[in-house]
Amino acid sequence: MMHDILTVAVISAVTVAVRFLPFVIFRKAEDVPETVKYLGKVLPGAVMGMLVIFCLKDLDLTAASHGITELMSAGVTAASYLWKKDTSLSVIIGTACYMLLSRL
């Protein structure tokens, strides 16, 4: 039990440190290197693309549903993002759509 608590505590501390470290290193906006600025622009889209690929990589088009549930949910997620421009809301709506369609 104590080992589990210590493990969670260490993981939490490292996560917090990693989140706050860039703010400590780059206190002023002019201190940020161009490479870091570039990565800040391109990585969010790249990460989303990898998540889409990861979610659809095991899609079986020969199964009974032909991947309709997954593709419809991905479409709903994309449409809700284009509509509201809110990533969190789109993920929630897409997940709810997938859960609903997979249970029907």
Protein backbone atom coordinates (compact mmCIF):
# COMPACT_ATOMS: atom_id res chain seq x y z
CA MET A 1 0.00 0.00 0.00
CA MET A 2 2.77 2.45 0.96
CA HIS A 3 4.65 1.58 -2.23
CA ASP A 4 1.59 2.50 -4.30
CA ILE A 5 1.19 5.83 -2.52
CA LEU A 6 4.86 6.67 -3.03
CA THR A 7 4.65 5.68 -6.69
CA VAL A 8 1.67 7.97 -7.27
CA ALA A 9 3.39 10.78 -5.33
CA VAL A 10 6.58 10.53 -7.40
CA ILE A 11 4.67 10.36 -10.69
CA SER A 12 2.58 13.37 -9.65
CA ALA A 13 5.65 15.37 -8.64
CA VAL A 14 7.42 14.63 -11.92
CA THR A 15 4.30 15.52 -13.91
CA VAL A 16 3.94 18.85 -12.11
CA ALA A 17 7.66 19.58 -12.53
CA VAL A 18 7.54 18.87 -16.26
CA ARG A 19 4.50 21.13 -16.66
CA PHE A 20 6.05 24.07 -14.79
CA LEU A 21 9.65 23.70 -15.98
CA PRO A 22 9.17 25.62 -19.27
CA PHE A 23 7.69 28.57 -17.35
CA VAL A 24 10.70 28.61 -15.05
CA ILE A 25 13.23 28.31 -17.88
CA PHE A 26 11.55 30.80 -20.24
CA ARG A 27 10.28 33.50 -17.87
CA LYS A 28 10.32 36.17 -20.56
CA ALA A 29 8.70 35.65 -23.95
CA GLU A 30 11.80 36.92 -25.74
CA ASP A 31 13.90 34.15 -24.13
CA VAL A 32 12.07 31.40 -26.01
CA PRO A 33 14.21 29.92 -28.82
CA GLU A 34 12.77 29.81 -32.32
CA THR A 35 12.86 25.99 -32.28
CA VAL A 36 10.62 25.88 -29.23
CA LYS A 37 8.20 28.38 -30.80
CA TYR A 38 8.09 26.26 -33.97
CA LEU A 39 7.41 23.08 -31.99
CA GLY A 40 4.65 24.88 -30.10
CA LYS A 41 2.96 25.59 -33.43
CA VAL A 42 3.33 22.20 -35.13
CA LEU A 43 3.16 19.65 -32.31
CA PRO A 44 -0.52 20.06 -31.33
CA GLY A 45 -1.64 19.17 -34.84
CA ALA A 46 0.87 16.33 -35.08
CA VAL A 47 -0.27 14.89 -31.76
CA MET A 48 -3.93 15.05 -32.85
CA GLY A 49 -3.04 13.33 -36.11
CA MET A 50 -1.24 10.56 -34.23
CA LEU A 51 -4.23 10.14 -31.91
CA VAL A 52 -6.56 9.76 -34.89
CA ILE A 53 -4.26 7.16 -36.42
CA PHE A 54 -3.97 5.35 -33.08
CA CYS A 55 -7.75 5.28 -32.64
CA LEU A 56 -8.44 4.01 -36.15
CA LYS A 57 -5.43 1.66 -36.59
CA ASP A 58 -7.35 -1.48 -35.62
CA LEU A 59 -10.38 -0.60 -37.70
CA ASP A 60 -11.69 -3.79 -39.33
CA LEU A 61 -13.57 -2.94 -42.50
CA THR A 62 -14.42 -6.61 -43.04
CA ALA A 63 -16.25 -6.98 -39.71
CA ALA A 64 -20.03 -6.82 -39.53
CA SER A 65 -20.17 -3.10 -38.74
CA HIS A 66 -17.50 -2.23 -41.38
CA GLY A 67 -16.09 0.44 -39.03
CA ILE A 68 -19.19 2.59 -39.28
CA THR A 69 -19.24 3.31 -35.53
CA GLU A 70 -15.62 4.48 -35.47
CA LEU A 71 -15.82 6.50 -38.67
CA MET A 72 -19.09 8.17 -37.68
CA SER A 73 -17.67 9.06 -34.26
CA ALA A 74 -14.52 10.49 -35.85
CA GLY A 75 -16.70 12.52 -38.20
CA VAL A 76 -18.85 13.81 -35.35
CA THR A 77 -15.69 14.78 -33.45
CA ALA A 78 -14.29 16.66 -36.44
CA ALA A 79 -17.62 18.35 -37.18
CA SER A 80 -18.08 19.46 -33.58
CA TYR A 81 -14.56 20.89 -33.55
CA LEU A 82 -15.16 22.80 -36.78
CA TRP A 83 -18.44 24.07 -35.32
CA LYS A 84 -17.32 25.16 -31.84
CA LYS A 85 -13.47 25.23 -32.10
CA ASP A 86 -13.26 23.59 -28.66
CA THR A 87 -11.01 20.54 -28.48
CA SER A 88 -12.23 19.31 -25.08
CA LEU A 89 -15.88 19.57 -26.08
CA SER A 90 -15.18 17.78 -29.36
CA VAL A 91 -13.42 14.90 -27.59
CA ILE A 92 -16.29 14.56 -25.12
CA ILE A 93 -18.91 14.64 -27.88
CA GLY A 94 -16.96 12.17 -30.03
CA THR A 95 -16.46 9.80 -27.11
CA ALA A 96 -20.13 9.98 -26.17
CA CYS A 97 -21.08 9.32 -29.80
CA TYR A 98 -18.78 6.30 -29.97
CA MET A 99 -20.06 4.88 -26.68
CA LEU A 100 -23.67 5.37 -27.76
CA LEU A 101 -23.18 3.86 -31.22
CA SER A 102 -21.13 0.93 -29.93
CA ARG A 103 -23.88 0.00 -27.50
CA LEU A 104 -26.69 0.13 -30.06
